[in-house]
Amino acid sequence: MLFSAGKVFLATQAIDMRKSYQGLGVLAEEVLKQNLFSGYQFVFYNKRRDRLKILYWHMNGFCILQKRLEKGRFQNLTIGEGSSVEITAYQLQGLIQGIEWKQIPIPSTLSYTIL
């Protein structure tokens, strides 16, 4: 499910936004080196950094979410040394909103004990 606690992989290089399910699937497997059917979310962006595509497998088929910013650009997309960087679902939400997602603190997990 989109924005769940599952793994999210952000590509570190811009792609041609004309790619659809098959093209993005090939990138996820061959460039990002991830299992396409894992349920992970794969985030891709264009050179101008005003469009995102997210590919993910949901139960019995692939889904693509696409967002185009009417004004501005997505922040800090070219990061890392490899072909992708793992980000949290929480950071992905910030990225999609067009805010400085790297500055979003990762929420800590709380644990309780019964006294």
C-alpha atoms as a PDB file:
ATOM      1  CA  MET A   1       0.000   0.000   0.000  1.00  0.00           C
ATOM      2  CA  LEU A   2       1.294   3.428  -0.896  1.00  0.00           C
ATOM      3  CA  PHE A   3       2.865   5.372   1.979  1.00  0.00           C
ATOM      4  CA  SER A   4       2.892   2.348   4.232  1.00  0.00           C
ATOM      5  CA  ALA A   5       5.825   1.370   6.387  1.00  0.00           C
ATOM      6  CA  GLY A   6       7.322  -0.706   3.539  1.00  0.00           C
ATOM      7  CA  LYS A   7      10.627   0.111   1.899  1.00  0.00           C
ATOM      8  CA  VAL A   8      10.893   3.047  -0.494  1.00  0.00           C
ATOM      9  CA  PHE A   9      13.755   3.368  -2.981  1.00  0.00           C
ATOM     10  CA  LEU A  10      14.477   6.760  -4.555  1.00  0.00           C
ATOM     11  CA  ALA A  11      16.492   6.641  -7.782  1.00  0.00           C
ATOM     12  CA  THR A  12      19.545   8.906  -7.710  1.00  0.00           C
ATOM     13  CA  GLN A  13      19.489   9.677 -11.444  1.00  0.00           C
ATOM     14  CA  ALA A  14      16.788  11.363 -13.509  1.00  0.00           C
ATOM     15  CA  ILE A  15      14.840   9.254 -16.017  1.00  0.00           C
ATOM     16  CA  ASP A  16      12.795   9.752 -19.160  1.00  0.00           C
ATOM     17  CA  MET A  17       9.244  10.292 -17.895  1.00  0.00           C
ATOM     18  CA  ARG A  18       7.765   8.626 -20.992  1.00  0.00           C
ATOM     19  CA  LYS A  19       8.507   5.274 -19.363  1.00  0.00           C
ATOM     20  CA  SER A  20       5.521   3.325 -18.113  1.00  0.00           C
ATOM     21  CA  TYR A  21       5.086   0.028 -16.249  1.00  0.00           C
ATOM     22  CA  GLN A  22       7.535  -2.079 -18.236  1.00  0.00           C
ATOM     23  CA  GLY A  23      10.229   0.584 -18.566  1.00  0.00           C
ATOM     24  CA  LEU A  24      10.088   1.509 -14.889  1.00  0.00           C
ATOM     25  CA  GLY A  25      10.022  -2.179 -13.960  1.00  0.00           C
ATOM     26  CA  VAL A  26      13.226  -2.794 -15.893  1.00  0.00           C
ATOM     27  CA  LEU A  27      14.876   0.146 -14.109  1.00  0.00           C
ATOM     28  CA  ALA A  28      13.754  -1.138 -10.711  1.00  0.00           C
ATOM     29  CA  GLU A  29      15.220  -4.592 -11.346  1.00  0.00           C
ATOM     30  CA  GLU A  30      18.341  -3.867 -13.407  1.00  0.00           C
ATOM     31  CA  VAL A  31      19.427  -0.426 -12.187  1.00  0.00           C
ATOM     32  CA  LEU A  32      18.104  -0.330  -8.630  1.00  0.00           C
ATOM     33  CA  LYS A  33      18.743  -4.087  -8.168  1.00  0.00           C
ATOM     34  CA  GLN A  34      15.458  -4.713  -6.364  1.00  0.00           C
ATOM     35  CA  ASN A  35      12.737  -7.354  -6.616  1.00  0.00           C
ATOM     36  CA  LEU A  36       9.935  -5.826  -8.630  1.00  0.00           C
ATOM     37  CA  PHE A  37       7.250  -7.909  -6.879  1.00  0.00           C
ATOM     38  CA  SER A  38       8.440  -7.145  -3.342  1.00  0.00           C
ATOM     39  CA  GLY A  39       5.779  -4.552  -2.602  1.00  0.00           C
ATOM     40  CA  TYR A  40       8.494  -1.915  -2.316  1.00  0.00           C
ATOM     41  CA  GLN A  41       7.878   1.524  -3.784  1.00  0.00           C
ATOM     42  CA  PHE A  42      10.250   2.795  -6.481  1.00  0.00           C
ATOM     43  CA  VAL A  43      10.431   6.570  -6.944  1.00  0.00           C
ATOM     44  CA  PHE A  44      11.729   8.118 -10.173  1.00  0.00           C
ATOM     45  CA  TYR A  45      11.999  11.759 -11.285  1.00  0.00           C
ATOM     46  CA  ASN A  46      12.773  13.781 -14.415  1.00  0.00           C
ATOM     47  CA  LYS A  47      15.709  16.114 -15.151  1.00  0.00           C
ATOM     48  CA  ARG A  48      13.716  19.250 -14.385  1.00  0.00           C
ATOM     49  CA  ARG A  49      12.707  17.734 -11.021  1.00  0.00           C
ATOM     50  CA  ASP A  50       9.097  18.802 -11.448  1.00  0.00           C
ATOM     51  CA  ARG A  51       7.661  15.294 -11.999  1.00  0.00           C
ATOM     52  CA  LEU A  52       7.728  12.100  -9.983  1.00  0.00           C
ATOM     53  CA  LYS A  53       6.579   8.582 -10.762  1.00  0.00           C
ATOM     54  CA  ILE A  54       6.171   5.900  -8.129  1.00  0.00           C
ATOM     55  CA  LEU A  55       5.920   2.277  -9.230  1.00  0.00           C
ATOM     56  CA  TYR A  56       4.765  -0.459  -6.876  1.00  0.00           C
ATOM     57  CA  TRP A  57       3.214  -3.916  -6.950  1.00  0.00           C
ATOM     58  CA  HIS A  58      -0.173  -4.177  -5.294  1.00  0.00           C
ATOM     59  CA  MET A  59      -1.651  -7.665  -4.847  1.00  0.00           C
ATOM     60  CA  ASN A  60      -2.275  -8.572  -8.481  1.00  0.00           C
ATOM     61  CA  GLY A  61      -0.880  -5.763 -10.603  1.00  0.00           C
ATOM     62  CA  PHE A  62       1.403  -2.762 -10.883  1.00  0.00           C
ATOM     63  CA  CYS A  63       0.380   0.746  -9.901  1.00  0.00           C
ATOM     64  CA  ILE A  64       1.931   4.031 -10.945  1.00  0.00           C
ATOM     65  CA  LEU A  65       1.403   7.267  -9.093  1.00  0.00           C
ATOM     66  CA  GLN A  66       2.543  10.369 -10.945  1.00  0.00           C
ATOM     67  CA  LYS A  67       2.806  13.909  -9.651  1.00  0.00           C
ATOM     68  CA  ARG A  68       3.671  17.085 -11.513  1.00  0.00           C
ATOM     69  CA  LEU A  69       4.404  20.263  -9.600  1.00  0.00           C
ATOM     70  CA  GLU A  70       2.791  23.267 -11.263  1.00  0.00           C
ATOM     71  CA  LYS A  71       5.313  25.588  -9.628  1.00  0.00           C
ATOM     72  CA  GLY A  72       8.703  24.811  -8.108  1.00  0.00           C
ATOM     73  CA  ARG A  73      10.758  21.636  -8.020  1.00  0.00           C
ATOM     74  CA  PHE A  74      11.129  18.590  -5.857  1.00  0.00           C
ATOM     75  CA  GLN A  75      13.944  19.125  -3.365  1.00  0.00           C
ATOM     76  CA  ASN A  76      17.253  17.232  -3.005  1.00  0.00           C
ATOM     77  CA  LEU A  77      16.725  14.359  -5.397  1.00  0.00           C
ATOM     78  CA  THR A  78      20.276  13.719  -6.639  1.00  0.00           C
ATOM     79  CA  ILE A  79      21.758  12.136  -3.548  1.00  0.00           C
ATOM     80  CA  GLY A  80      23.840   9.146  -2.657  1.00  0.00           C
ATOM     81  CA  GLU A  81      26.532   7.263  -4.491  1.00  0.00           C
ATOM     82  CA  GLY A  82      24.631   4.211  -5.725  1.00  0.00           C
ATOM     83  CA  SER A  83      21.731   3.888  -8.112  1.00  0.00           C
ATOM     84  CA  SER A  84      19.170   4.442  -5.345  1.00  0.00           C
ATOM     85  CA  VAL A  85      18.794   5.469  -1.745  1.00  0.00           C
ATOM     86  CA  GLU A  86      16.316   4.024   0.716  1.00  0.00           C
ATOM     87  CA  ILE A  87      14.038   6.589   2.311  1.00  0.00           C
ATOM     88  CA  THR A  88      11.194   6.188   4.776  1.00  0.00           C
ATOM     89  CA  ALA A  89       7.510   6.326   3.857  1.00  0.00           C
ATOM     90  CA  TYR A  90       7.363   9.381   6.111  1.00  0.00           C
ATOM     91  CA  GLN A  91      10.050  11.118   4.031  1.00  0.00           C
ATOM     92  CA  LEU A  92       8.262  10.092   0.830  1.00  0.00           C
ATOM     93  CA  GLN A  93       5.156  11.933   1.986  1.00  0.00           C
ATOM     94  CA  GLY A  94       7.227  15.096   2.437  1.00  0.00           C
ATOM     95  CA  LEU A  95       8.911  14.626  -0.929  1.00  0.00           C
ATOM     96  CA  ILE A  96       5.550  14.331  -2.714  1.00  0.00           C
ATOM     97  CA  GLN A  97       4.370  17.524  -1.036  1.00  0.00           C
ATOM     98  CA  GLY A  98       7.408  19.310  -2.456  1.00  0.00           C
ATOM     99  CA  ILE A  99       8.907  20.197   0.904  1.00  0.00           C
ATOM    100  CA  GLU A 100      12.491  19.762   2.146  1.00  0.00           C
ATOM    101  CA  TRP A 101      12.031  16.074   2.942  1.00  0.00           C
ATOM    102  CA  LYS A 102      15.587  15.471   4.179  1.00  0.00           C
ATOM    103  CA  GLN A 103      14.892  17.787   7.102  1.00  0.00           C
ATOM    104  CA  ILE A 104      11.917  15.724   8.278  1.00  0.00           C
ATOM    105  CA  PRO A 105      12.941  13.879  11.436  1.00  0.00           C
ATOM    106  CA  ILE A 106      12.310  10.164  11.421  1.00  0.00           C
ATOM    107  CA  PRO A 107       9.738   9.460  14.123  1.00  0.00           C
ATOM    108  CA  SER A 108      10.978   7.305  16.937  1.00  0.00           C
ATOM    109  CA  THR A 109       9.277   4.048  17.784  1.00  0.00           C
ATOM    110  CA  LEU A 110       7.794   3.981  21.243  1.00  0.00           C
ATOM    111  CA  SER A 111       7.557   0.890  23.391  1.00  0.00           C
ATOM    112  CA  TYR A 112       5.622   0.411  26.565  1.00  0.00           C
ATOM    113  CA  THR A 113       5.776  -2.026  29.424  1.00  0.00           C
ATOM    114  CA  ILE A 114       2.898  -2.983  31.645  1.00  0.00           C
ATOM    115  CA  LEU A 115       3.643  -2.366  35.293  1.00  0.00           C
END
